[in-house]
PDB file of all heavy atoms in Angstrom:
ATOM      1  N   PHE A   1      63.852 106.428  77.814  1.00  0.00           N
ATOM      2  CA  PHE A   1      62.704 106.820  77.002  1.00  0.00           C
ATOM      3  C   PHE A   1      63.183 107.430  75.699  1.00  0.00           C
ATOM      4  O   PHE A   1      64.132 108.194  75.660  1.00  0.00           O
ATOM      5  CB  PHE A   1      61.815 107.812  77.748  1.00  0.00           C
ATOM      6  CG  PHE A   1      61.284 107.278  79.054  1.00  0.00           C
ATOM      7  CD1 PHE A   1      61.519 107.946  80.236  1.00  0.00           C
ATOM      8  CD2 PHE A   1      60.555 106.105  79.098  1.00  0.00           C
ATOM      9  CE1 PHE A   1      61.036 107.461  81.439  1.00  0.00           C
ATOM     10  CE2 PHE A   1      60.070 105.607  80.286  1.00  0.00           C
ATOM     11  CZ  PHE A   1      60.312 106.288  81.463  1.00  0.00           C
ATOM     12  N   GLU A   2      62.492 107.093  74.618  1.00  0.00           N
ATOM     13  CA  GLU A   2      62.870 107.573  73.290  1.00  0.00           C
ATOM     14  C   GLU A   2      62.434 109.012  73.023  1.00  0.00           C
ATOM     15  O   GLU A   2      63.101 109.748  72.341  1.00  0.00           O
ATOM     16  CB  GLU A   2      62.252 106.665  72.220  1.00  0.00           C
ATOM     17  CG  GLU A   2      62.800 105.258  72.237  1.00  0.00           C
ATOM     18  CD  GLU A   2      64.224 105.190  71.724  1.00  0.00           C
ATOM     19  OE1 GLU A   2      64.552 105.929  70.790  1.00  0.00           O
ATOM     20  OE2 GLU A   2      64.998 104.388  72.263  1.00  0.00           O
ATOM     21  N   ALA A   3      61.283 109.402  73.544  1.00  0.00           N
ATOM     22  CA  ALA A   3      60.715 110.718  73.230  1.00  0.00           C
ATOM     23  C   ALA A   3      60.740 111.615  74.465  1.00  0.00           C
ATOM     24  O   ALA A   3      60.938 111.156  75.586  1.00  0.00           O
ATOM     25  CB  ALA A   3      59.280 110.557  72.737  1.00  0.00           C
ATOM     26  N   ASP A   4      60.527 112.909  74.239  1.00  0.00           N
ATOM     27  CA  ASP A   4      60.518 113.904  75.315  1.00  0.00           C
ATOM     28  C   ASP A   4      59.193 113.981  76.059  1.00  0.00           C
ATOM     29  O   ASP A   4      59.058 114.775  76.968  1.00  0.00           O
ATOM     30  CB  ASP A   4      60.811 115.301  74.736  1.00  0.00           C
ATOM     31  CG  ASP A   4      62.274 115.466  74.386  1.00  0.00           C
ATOM     32  OD1 ASP A   4      63.115 114.851  75.053  1.00  0.00           O
ATOM     33  OD2 ASP A   4      62.568 116.221  73.455  1.00  0.00           O
ATOM     34  N   LEU A   5      58.217 113.206  75.666  1.00  0.00           N
ATOM     35  CA  LEU A   5      56.894 113.291  76.265  1.00  0.00           C
ATOM     36  C   LEU A   5      56.881 112.573  77.612  1.00  0.00           C
ATOM     37  O   LEU A   5      57.131 111.377  77.706  1.00  0.00           O
ATOM     38  CB  LEU A   5      55.861 112.652  75.329  1.00  0.00           C
ATOM     39  CG  LEU A   5      54.415 112.766  75.762  1.00  0.00           C
ATOM     40  CD1 LEU A   5      53.980 114.229  75.788  1.00  0.00           C
ATOM     41  CD2 LEU A   5      53.532 111.984  74.810  1.00  0.00           C
ATOM     42  N   TRP A   6      56.622 113.329  78.660  1.00  0.00           N
ATOM     43  CA  TRP A   6      56.565 112.764  80.009  1.00  0.00           C
ATOM     44  C   TRP A   6      55.115 112.581  80.407  1.00  0.00           C
ATOM     45  O   TRP A   6      54.396 113.537  80.651  1.00  0.00           O
ATOM     46  CB  TRP A   6      57.284 113.684  81.004  1.00  0.00           C
ATOM     47  CG  TRP A   6      58.757 113.577  80.873  1.00  0.00           C
ATOM     48  CD1 TRP A   6      59.565 114.337  80.086  1.00  0.00           C
ATOM     49  CD2 TRP A   6      59.602 112.625  81.522  1.00  0.00           C
ATOM     50  NE1 TRP A   6      60.861 113.926  80.214  1.00  0.00           N
ATOM     51  CE2 TRP A   6      60.922 112.873  81.089  1.00  0.00           C
ATOM     52  CE3 TRP A   6      59.378 111.591  82.427  1.00  0.00           C
ATOM     53  CZ2 TRP A   6      62.004 112.134  81.537  1.00  0.00           C
ATOM     54  CZ3 TRP A   6      60.456 110.850  82.868  1.00  0.00           C
ATOM     55  CH2 TRP A   6      61.749 111.121  82.425  1.00  0.00           C
ATOM     56  N   THR A   7      54.687 111.329  80.484  1.00  0.00           N
ATOM     57  CA  THR A   7      53.323 111.005  80.892  1.00  0.00           C
ATOM     58  C   THR A   7      53.309 110.709  82.393  1.00  0.00           C
ATOM     59  O   THR A   7      54.364 110.541  83.012  1.00  0.00           O
ATOM     60  CB  THR A   7      52.815 109.769  80.127  1.00  0.00           C
ATOM     61  OG1 THR A   7      53.651 108.652  80.468  1.00  0.00           O
ATOM     62  CG2 THR A   7      52.836 109.999  78.623  1.00  0.00           C
ATOM     63  N   LEU A   8      52.111 110.617  82.956  1.00  0.00           N
ATOM     64  CA  LEU A   8      51.998 110.258  84.373  1.00  0.00           C
ATOM     65  C   LEU A   8      52.615 108.884  84.628  1.00  0.00           C
ATOM     66  O   LEU A   8      53.262 108.664  85.649  1.00  0.00           O
ATOM     67  CB  LEU A   8      50.534 110.278  84.815  1.00  0.00           C
ATOM     68  CG  LEU A   8      49.854 111.642  84.812  1.00  0.00           C
ATOM     69  CD1 LEU A   8      48.376 111.492  85.145  1.00  0.00           C
ATOM     70  CD2 LEU A   8      50.529 112.588  85.778  1.00  0.00           C
ATOM     71  N   GLU A   9      52.422 107.972  83.676  1.00  0.00           N
ATOM     72  CA  GLU A   9      52.988 106.633  83.819  1.00  0.00           C
ATOM     73  C   GLU A   9      54.516 106.690  83.864  1.00  0.00           C
ATOM     74  O   GLU A   9      55.144 106.018  84.681  1.00  0.00           O
ATOM     75  CB  GLU A   9      52.537 105.727  82.667  1.00  0.00           C
ATOM     76  CG  GLU A   9      51.080 105.339  82.731  1.00  0.00           C
ATOM     77  CD  GLU A   9      50.154 106.408  82.163  1.00  0.00           C
ATOM     78  OE1 GLU A   9      50.634 107.399  81.574  1.00  0.00           O
ATOM     79  OE2 GLU A   9      48.939 106.267  82.336  1.00  0.00           O
ATOM     80  N   ARG A  10      55.116 107.470  82.981  1.00  0.00           N
ATOM     81  CA  ARG A  10      56.584 107.577  82.949  1.00  0.00           C
ATOM     82  C   ARG A  10      57.127 108.203  84.224  1.00  0.00           C
ATOM     83  O   ARG A  10      58.116 107.737  84.772  1.00  0.00           O
ATOM     84  CB  ARG A  10      57.036 108.406  81.749  1.00  0.00           C
ATOM     85  CG  ARG A  10      56.971 107.644  80.466  1.00  0.00           C
ATOM     86  CD  ARG A  10      57.598 108.441  79.365  1.00  0.00           C
ATOM     87  NE  ARG A  10      57.608 107.689  78.130  1.00  0.00           N
ATOM     88  CZ  ARG A  10      58.136 108.117  77.015  1.00  0.00           C
ATOM     89  NH1 ARG A  10      58.711 109.305  76.965  1.00  0.00           N
ATOM     90  NH2 ARG A  10      58.113 107.369  75.932  1.00  0.00           N
ATOM     91  N   VAL A  11      56.482 109.259  84.679  1.00  0.00           N
ATOM     92  CA  VAL A  11      56.932 109.900  85.919  1.00  0.00           C
ATOM     93  C   VAL A  11      56.825 108.907  87.071  1.00  0.00           C
ATOM     94  O   VAL A  11      57.735 108.780  87.890  1.00  0.00           O
ATOM     95  CB  VAL A  11      56.121 111.184  86.210  1.00  0.00           C
ATOM     96  CG1 VAL A  11      56.488 111.741  87.582  1.00  0.00           C
ATOM     97  CG2 VAL A  11      56.368 112.225  85.127  1.00  0.00           C
ATOM     98  N   GLY A  12      55.723 108.155  87.112  1.00  0.00           N
ATOM     99  CA  GLY A  12      55.544 107.143  88.138  1.00  0.00           C
ATOM    100  C   GLY A  12      56.620 106.073  88.083  1.00  0.00           C
ATOM    101  O   GLY A  12      57.131 105.631  89.124  1.00  0.00           O
ATOM    102  N   LEU A  13      56.997 105.661  86.872  1.00  0.00           N
ATOM    103  CA  LEU A  13      58.074 104.684  86.702  1.00  0.00           C
ATOM    104  C   LEU A  13      59.392 105.207  87.252  1.00  0.00           C
ATOM    105  O   LEU A  13      60.122 104.489  87.948  1.00  0.00           O
ATOM    106  CB  LEU A  13      58.264 104.368  85.212  1.00  0.00           C
ATOM    107  CG  LEU A  13      57.592 103.135  84.676  1.00  0.00           C
ATOM    108  CD1 LEU A  13      57.726 103.086  83.157  1.00  0.00           C
ATOM    109  CD2 LEU A  13      58.187 101.894  85.282  1.00  0.00           C
ATOM    110  N   VAL A  14      59.713 106.446  86.934  1.00  0.00           N
ATOM    111  CA  VAL A  14      60.964 107.043  87.403  1.00  0.00           C
ATOM    112  C   VAL A  14      60.956 107.175  88.924  1.00  0.00           C
ATOM    113  O   VAL A  14      61.951 106.854  89.585  1.00  0.00           O
ATOM    114  CB  VAL A  14      61.223 108.406  86.723  1.00  0.00           C
ATOM    115  CG1 VAL A  14      62.428 109.107  87.330  1.00  0.00           C
ATOM    116  CG2 VAL A  14      61.428 108.214  85.224  1.00  0.00           C
ATOM    117  N   VAL A  15      59.840 107.619  89.483  1.00  0.00           N
ATOM    118  CA  VAL A  15      59.736 107.719  90.943  1.00  0.00           C
ATOM    119  C   VAL A  15      59.971 106.344  91.566  1.00  0.00           C
ATOM    120  O   VAL A  15      60.713 106.204  92.542  1.00  0.00           O
ATOM    121  CB  VAL A  15      58.365 108.301  91.371  1.00  0.00           C
ATOM    122  CG1 VAL A  15      58.150 108.154  92.866  1.00  0.00           C
ATOM    123  CG2 VAL A  15      58.247 109.756  90.951  1.00  0.00           C
ATOM    124  N   ASP A  16      59.370 105.313  90.983  1.00  0.00           N
ATOM    125  CA  ASP A  16      59.528 103.958  91.500  1.00  0.00           C
ATOM    126  C   ASP A  16      60.985 103.497  91.399  1.00  0.00           C
ATOM    127  O   ASP A  16      61.538 102.934  92.349  1.00  0.00           O
ATOM    128  CB  ASP A  16      58.615 103.002  90.734  1.00  0.00           C
ATOM    129  CG  ASP A  16      58.540 101.619  91.366  1.00  0.00           C
ATOM    130  OD1 ASP A  16      58.867 101.480  92.561  1.00  0.00           O
ATOM    131  OD2 ASP A  16      58.155 100.665  90.660  1.00  0.00           O
ATOM    132  N   ARG A  17      61.635 103.740  90.250  1.00  0.00           N
ATOM    133  CA  ARG A  17      63.034 103.332  90.076  1.00  0.00           C
ATOM    134  C   ARG A  17      63.968 104.052  91.045  1.00  0.00           C
ATOM    135  O   ARG A  17      64.890 103.455  91.581  1.00  0.00           O
ATOM    136  CB  ARG A  17      63.493 103.624  88.648  1.00  0.00           C
ATOM    137  CG  ARG A  17      62.904 102.710  87.615  1.00  0.00           C
ATOM    138  CD  ARG A  17      63.408 103.088  86.243  1.00  0.00           C
ATOM    139  NE  ARG A  17      62.650 102.441  85.201  1.00  0.00           N
ATOM    140  CZ  ARG A  17      62.717 102.769  83.925  1.00  0.00           C
ATOM    141  NH1 ARG A  17      63.517 103.743  83.528  1.00  0.00           N
ATOM    142  NH2 ARG A  17      62.006 102.125  83.035  1.00  0.00           N
ATOM    143  N   VAL A  18      63.738 105.343  91.241  1.00  0.00           N
ATOM    144  CA  VAL A  18      64.645 106.144  92.066  1.00  0.00           C
ATOM    145  C   VAL A  18      64.394 105.942  93.562  1.00  0.00           C
ATOM    146  O   VAL A  18      65.346 105.840  94.345  1.00  0.00           O
ATOM    147  CB  VAL A  18      64.523 107.647  91.693  1.00  0.00           C
ATOM    148  CG1 VAL A  18      65.288 108.516  92.656  1.00  0.00           C
ATOM    149  CG2 VAL A  18      65.007 107.870  90.271  1.00  0.00           C
ATOM    150  N   THR A  19      63.126 105.878  93.955  1.00  0.00           N
ATOM    151  CA  THR A  19      62.813 105.840  95.391  1.00  0.00           C
ATOM    152  C   THR A  19      62.306 104.492  95.875  1.00  0.00           C
ATOM    153  O   THR A  19      62.279 104.244  97.082  1.00  0.00           O
ATOM    154  CB  THR A  19      61.736 106.884  95.737  1.00  0.00           C
ATOM    155  OG1 THR A  19      60.504 106.513  95.098  1.00  0.00           O
ATOM    156  CG2 THR A  19      62.145 108.273  95.309  1.00  0.00           C
ATOM    157  N   GLY A  20      61.859 103.638  94.947  1.00  0.00           N
ATOM    158  CA  GLY A  20      61.268 102.368  95.341  1.00  0.00           C
ATOM    159  C   GLY A  20      59.821 102.502  95.773  1.00  0.00           C
ATOM    160  O   GLY A  20      59.225 101.557  96.277  1.00  0.00           O
ATOM    161  N   VAL A  21      59.233 103.684  95.574  1.00  0.00           N
ATOM    162  CA  VAL A  21      57.842 103.931  95.952  1.00  0.00           C
ATOM    163  C   VAL A  21      56.980 103.905  94.691  1.00  0.00           C
ATOM    164  O   VAL A  21      57.189 104.703  93.773  1.00  0.00           O
ATOM    165  CB  VAL A  21      57.684 105.296  96.666  1.00  0.00           C
ATOM    166  CG1 VAL A  21      56.228 105.579  96.969  1.00  0.00           C
ATOM    167  CG2 VAL A  21      58.533 105.335  97.916  1.00  0.00           C
ATOM    168  N   ALA A  22      56.023 102.990  94.640  1.00  0.00           N
ATOM    169  CA  ALA A  22      55.116 102.892  93.497  1.00  0.00           C
ATOM    170  C   ALA A  22      53.923 103.811  93.743  1.00  0.00           C
ATOM    171  O   ALA A  22      53.279 103.731  94.788  1.00  0.00           O
ATOM    172  CB  ALA A  22      54.650 101.458  93.313  1.00  0.00           C
ATOM    173  N   LEU A  23      53.665 104.692  92.787  1.00  0.00           N
ATOM    174  CA  LEU A  23      52.551 105.635  92.898  1.00  0.00           C
ATOM    175  C   LEU A  23      51.533 105.374  91.800  1.00  0.00           C
ATOM    176  O   LEU A  23      51.894 105.022  90.679  1.00  0.00           O
ATOM    177  CB  LEU A  23      53.056 107.075  92.763  1.00  0.00           C
ATOM    178  CG  LEU A  23      54.051 107.584  93.799  1.00  0.00           C
ATOM    179  CD1 LEU A  23      54.524 108.980  93.417  1.00  0.00           C
ATOM    180  CD2 LEU A  23      53.431 107.593  95.173  1.00  0.00           C
ATOM    181  N   SER A  24      50.268 105.573  92.113  1.00  0.00           N
ATOM    182  CA  SER A  24      49.220 105.486  91.096  1.00  0.00           C
ATOM    183  C   SER A  24      49.293 106.742  90.224  1.00  0.00           C
ATOM    184  O   SER A  24      49.936 107.734  90.580  1.00  0.00           O
ATOM    185  CB  SER A  24      47.843 105.394  91.756  1.00  0.00           C
ATOM    186  OG  SER A  24      47.533 106.624  92.399  1.00  0.00           O
ATOM    187  N   ARG A  25      48.591 106.704  89.088  1.00  0.00           N
ATOM    188  CA  ARG A  25      48.544 107.894  88.221  1.00  0.00           C
ATOM    189  C   ARG A  25      47.979 109.078  88.974  1.00  0.00           C
ATOM    190  O   ARG A  25      48.464 110.197  88.844  1.00  0.00           O
ATOM    191  CB  ARG A  25      47.696 107.617  86.979  1.00  0.00           C
ATOM    192  CG  ARG A  25      48.357 106.661  86.011  1.00  0.00           C
ATOM    193  CD  ARG A  25      47.489 106.368  84.818  1.00  0.00           C
ATOM    194  NE  ARG A  25      47.290 107.607  84.070  1.00  0.00           N
ATOM    195  CZ  ARG A  25      46.219 107.857  83.354  1.00  0.00           C
ATOM    196  NH1 ARG A  25      45.242 106.992  83.270  1.00  0.00           N
ATOM    197  NH2 ARG A  25      46.109 108.985  82.694  1.00  0.00           N
ATOM    198  N   ALA A  26      46.932 108.841  89.779  1.00  0.00           N
ATOM    199  CA  ALA A  26      46.313 109.925  90.547  1.00  0.00           C
ATOM    200  C   ALA A  26      47.306 110.518  91.545  1.00  0.00           C
ATOM    201  O   ALA A  26      47.363 111.740  91.728  1.00  0.00           O
ATOM    202  CB  ALA A  26      45.070 109.420  91.270  1.00  0.00           C
ATOM    203  N   SER A  27      48.101 109.667  92.177  1.00  0.00           N
ATOM    204  CA  SER A  27      49.094 110.156  93.142  1.00  0.00           C
ATOM    205  C   SER A  27      50.196 110.951  92.456  1.00  0.00           C
ATOM    206  O   SER A  27      50.663 111.967  92.980  1.00  0.00           O
ATOM    207  CB  SER A  27      49.702 108.985  93.916  1.00  0.00           C
ATOM    208  OG  SER A  27      48.720 108.366  94.714  1.00  0.00           O
ATOM    209  N   VAL A  28      50.609 110.487  91.283  1.00  0.00           N
ATOM    210  CA  VAL A  28      51.622 111.238  90.517  1.00  0.00           C
ATOM    211  C   VAL A  28      51.065 112.606  90.151  1.00  0.00           C
ATOM    212  O   VAL A  28      51.744 113.625  90.287  1.00  0.00           O
ATOM    213  CB  VAL A  28      52.059 110.460  89.253  1.00  0.00           C
ATOM    214  CG1 VAL A  28      52.947 111.317  88.371  1.00  0.00           C
ATOM    215  CG2 VAL A  28      52.777 109.172  89.629  1.00  0.00           C
ATOM    216  N   TRP A  29      49.798 112.647  89.712  1.00  0.00           N
ATOM    217  CA  TRP A  29      49.155 113.910  89.345  1.00  0.00           C
ATOM    218  C   TRP A  29      49.124 114.865  90.541  1.00  0.00           C
ATOM    219  O   TRP A  29      49.479 116.035  90.424  1.00  0.00           O
ATOM    220  CB  TRP A  29      47.747 113.656  88.825  1.00  0.00           C
ATOM    221  CG  TRP A  29      47.009 114.905  88.472  1.00  0.00           C
ATOM    222  CD1 TRP A  29      46.005 115.491  89.174  1.00  0.00           C
ATOM    223  CD2 TRP A  29      47.247 115.755  87.351  1.00  0.00           C
ATOM    224  NE1 TRP A  29      45.593 116.637  88.549  1.00  0.00           N
ATOM    225  CE2 TRP A  29      46.338 116.824  87.432  1.00  0.00           C
ATOM    226  CE3 TRP A  29      48.135 115.708  86.284  1.00  0.00           C
ATOM    227  CZ2 TRP A  29      46.296 117.844  86.491  1.00  0.00           C
ATOM    228  CZ3 TRP A  29      48.086 116.722  85.332  1.00  0.00           C
ATOM    229  CH2 TRP A  29      47.182 117.762  85.451  1.00  0.00           C
ATOM    230  N   ARG A  30      48.708 114.362  91.714  1.00  0.00           N
ATOM    231  CA  ARG A  30      48.657 115.205  92.917  1.00  0.00           C
ATOM    232  C   ARG A  30      50.045 115.687  93.307  1.00  0.00           C
ATOM    233  O   ARG A  30      50.209 116.841  93.723  1.00  0.00           O
ATOM    234  CB  ARG A  30      48.009 114.436  94.074  1.00  0.00           C
ATOM    235  CG  ARG A  30      46.502 114.365  93.976  1.00  0.00           C
ATOM    236  CD  ARG A  30      45.866 113.860  95.262  1.00  0.00           C
ATOM    237  NE  ARG A  30      46.317 112.527  95.616  1.00  0.00           N
ATOM    238  CZ  ARG A  30      45.733 111.390  95.212  1.00  0.00           C
ATOM    239  NH1 ARG A  30      44.684 111.451  94.424  1.00  0.00           N
ATOM    240  NH2 ARG A  30      46.201 110.234  95.601  1.00  0.00           N
ATOM    241  N   LEU A  31      51.049 114.822  93.169  1.00  0.00           N
ATOM    242  CA  LEU A  31      52.421 115.211  93.486  1.00  0.00           C
ATOM    243  C   LEU A  31      52.893 116.350  92.576  1.00  0.00           C
ATOM    244  O   LEU A  31      53.415 117.365  93.042  1.00  0.00           O
ATOM    245  CB  LEU A  31      53.362 114.011  93.341  1.00  0.00           C
ATOM    246  CG  LEU A  31      54.852 114.292  93.465  1.00  0.00           C
ATOM    247  CD1 LEU A  31      55.210 114.685  94.888  1.00  0.00           C
ATOM    248  CD2 LEU A  31      55.663 113.088  93.031  1.00  0.00           C
ATOM    249  N   LEU A  32      52.673 116.182  91.284  1.00  0.00           N
ATOM    250  CA  LEU A  32      53.155 117.186  90.318  1.00  0.00           C
ATOM    251  C   LEU A  32      52.396 118.504  90.418  1.00  0.00           C
ATOM    252  O   LEU A  32      52.993 119.571  90.383  1.00  0.00           O
ATOM    253  CB  LEU A  32      53.056 116.632  88.894  1.00  0.00           C
ATOM    254  CG  LEU A  32      53.957 115.445  88.566  1.00  0.00           C
ATOM    255  CD1 LEU A  32      53.683 114.955  87.151  1.00  0.00           C
ATOM    256  CD2 LEU A  32      55.419 115.789  88.738  1.00  0.00           C
ATOM    257  N   THR A  33      51.070 118.429  90.519  1.00  0.00           N
ATOM    258  CA  THR A  33      50.275 119.660  90.504  1.00  0.00           C
ATOM    259  C   THR A  33      50.130 120.283  91.883  1.00  0.00           C
ATOM    260  O   THR A  33      50.270 121.495  92.030  1.00  0.00           O
ATOM    261  CB  THR A  33      48.883 119.408  89.910  1.00  0.00           C
ATOM    262  OG1 THR A  33      48.207 118.416  90.673  1.00  0.00           O
ATOM    263  CG2 THR A  33      48.976 118.987  88.463  1.00  0.00           C
ATOM    264  N   GLY A  34      49.822 119.474  92.869  1.00  0.00           N
ATOM    265  CA  GLY A  34      49.585 120.002  94.217  1.00  0.00           C
ATOM    266  C   GLY A  34      50.857 120.340  94.970  1.00  0.00           C
ATOM    267  O   GLY A  34      51.032 121.452  95.456  1.00  0.00           O
ATOM    268  N   ARG A  35      51.748 119.396  95.044  1.00  0.00           N
ATOM    269  CA  ARG A  35      52.965 119.583  95.833  1.00  0.00           C
ATOM    270  C   ARG A  35      54.009 120.438  95.138  1.00  0.00           C
ATOM    271  O   ARG A  35      54.636 121.291  95.750  1.00  0.00           O
ATOM    272  CB  ARG A  35      53.575 118.222  96.047  1.00  0.00           C
ATOM    273  CG  ARG A  35      53.855 117.643  97.244  1.00  0.00           C
ATOM    274  CD  ARG A  35      53.568 117.439  98.536  1.00  0.00           C
ATOM    275  NE  ARG A  35      54.745 117.531  99.358  1.00  0.00           N
ATOM    276  CZ  ARG A  35      55.147 116.568 100.118  1.00  0.00           C
ATOM    277  NH1 ARG A  35      54.500 115.439 100.157  1.00  0.00           N
ATOM    278  NH2 ARG A  35      56.176 116.750 100.874  1.00  0.00           N
ATOM    279  N   LEU A  36      54.211 120.165  93.838  1.00  0.00           N
ATOM    280  CA  LEU A  36      55.261 120.878  93.107  1.00  0.00           C
ATOM    281  C   LEU A  36      54.755 122.100  92.355  1.00  0.00           C
ATOM    282  O   LEU A  36      55.544 122.894  91.867  1.00  0.00           O
ATOM    283  CB  LEU A  36      55.958 119.912  92.131  1.00  0.00           C
ATOM    284  CG  LEU A  36      56.650 118.715  92.803  1.00  0.00           C
ATOM    285  CD1 LEU A  36      57.197 117.767  91.749  1.00  0.00           C
ATOM    286  CD2 LEU A  36      57.754 119.185  93.733  1.00  0.00           C
ATOM    287  N   GLY A  37      53.432 122.235  92.218  1.00  0.00           N
ATOM    288  CA  GLY A  37      52.872 123.404  91.546  1.00  0.00           C
ATOM    289  C   GLY A  37      53.032 123.392  90.031  1.00  0.00           C
ATOM    290  O   GLY A  37      52.920 124.425  89.382  1.00  0.00           O
ATOM    291  N   TRP A  38      53.302 122.229  89.450  1.00  0.00           N
ATOM    292  CA  TRP A  38      53.448 122.137  88.000  1.00  0.00           C
ATOM    293  C   TRP A  38      52.079 122.140  87.355  1.00  0.00           C
ATOM    294  O   TRP A  38      51.060 121.855  87.978  1.00  0.00           O
ATOM    295  CB  TRP A  38      54.193 120.871  87.617  1.00  0.00           C
ATOM    296  CG  TRP A  38      55.648 120.879  88.007  1.00  0.00           C
ATOM    297  CD1 TRP A  38      56.276 121.782  88.819  1.00  0.00           C
ATOM    298  CD2 TRP A  38      56.632 119.937  87.624  1.00  0.00           C
ATOM    299  NE1 TRP A  38      57.597 121.453  88.953  1.00  0.00           N
ATOM    300  CE2 TRP A  38      57.848 120.325  88.233  1.00  0.00           C
ATOM    301  CE3 TRP A  38      56.623 118.804  86.840  1.00  0.00           C
ATOM    302  CZ2 TRP A  38      59.025 119.623  88.067  1.00  0.00           C
ATOM    303  CZ3 TRP A  38      57.799 118.101  86.672  1.00  0.00           C
ATOM    304  CH2 TRP A  38      58.980 118.510  87.273  1.00  0.00           C
ATOM    305  N   SER A  39      52.024 122.455  86.062  1.00  0.00           N
ATOM    306  CA  SER A  39      50.763 122.442  85.329  1.00  0.00           C
ATOM    307  C   SER A  39      50.902 121.570  84.089  1.00  0.00           C
ATOM    308  O   SER A  39      52.009 121.271  83.641  1.00  0.00           O
ATOM    309  CB  SER A  39      50.360 123.862  84.925  1.00  0.00           C
ATOM    310  OG  SER A  39      51.330 124.398  84.050  1.00  0.00           O
ATOM    311  N   LEU A  40      49.768 121.192  83.537  1.00  0.00           N
ATOM    312  CA  LEU A  40      49.737 120.379  82.335  1.00  0.00           C
ATOM    313  C   LEU A  40      50.325 121.169  81.174  1.00  0.00           C
ATOM    314  O   LEU A  40      49.951 122.319  80.952  1.00  0.00           O
ATOM    315  CB  LEU A  40      48.293 119.981  82.016  1.00  0.00           C
ATOM    316  CG  LEU A  40      48.067 119.199  80.731  1.00  0.00           C
ATOM    317  CD1 LEU A  40      48.725 117.837  80.820  1.00  0.00           C
ATOM    318  CD2 LEU A  40      46.590 119.058  80.470  1.00  0.00           C
ATOM    319  N   GLN A  41      51.232 120.571  80.454  1.00  0.00           N
ATOM    320  CA  GLN A  41      51.833 121.200  79.279  1.00  0.00           C
ATOM    321  C   GLN A  41      51.663 120.262  78.095  1.00  0.00           C
ATOM    322  O   GLN A  41      51.848 119.059  78.229  1.00  0.00           O
ATOM    323  CB  GLN A  41      53.332 121.438  79.501  1.00  0.00           C
ATOM    324  CG  GLN A  41      53.652 122.261  80.726  1.00  0.00           C
ATOM    325  CD  GLN A  41      53.268 123.709  80.562  1.00  0.00           C
ATOM    326  OE1 GLN A  41      53.623 124.324  79.568  1.00  0.00           O
ATOM    327  NE2 GLN A  41      52.559 124.240  81.530  1.00  0.00           N
ATOM    328  N   ARG A  42      51.308 120.806  76.976  1.00  0.00           N
ATOM    329  CA  ARG A  42      51.184 119.997  75.762  1.00  0.00           C
ATOM    330  C   ARG A  42      52.309 120.385  74.811  1.00  0.00           C
ATOM    331  O   ARG A  42      52.587 121.566  74.625  1.00  0.00           O
ATOM    332  CB  ARG A  42      49.844 120.236  75.094  1.00  0.00           C
ATOM    333  CG  ARG A  42      48.690 119.861  76.002  1.00  0.00           C
ATOM    334  CD  ARG A  42      47.484 119.488  75.202  1.00  0.00           C
ATOM    335  NE  ARG A  42      46.338 119.286  76.062  1.00  0.00           N
ATOM    336  CZ  ARG A  42      45.994 118.108  76.561  1.00  0.00           C
ATOM    337  NH1 ARG A  42      46.712 117.067  76.303  1.00  0.00           N
ATOM    338  NH2 ARG A  42      44.933 117.995  77.325  1.00  0.00           N
TER     339      ARG A  42
END
């Protein structure tokens, strides 16, 4: 990736490349916010 901006799509791509598990945007959001406790940052 050229820029530092991590979108749900990019995180989903990385998860897919590393684990082979394809996640929807909603699933990535739940993983980041619910499971990991991360919050939206601008």
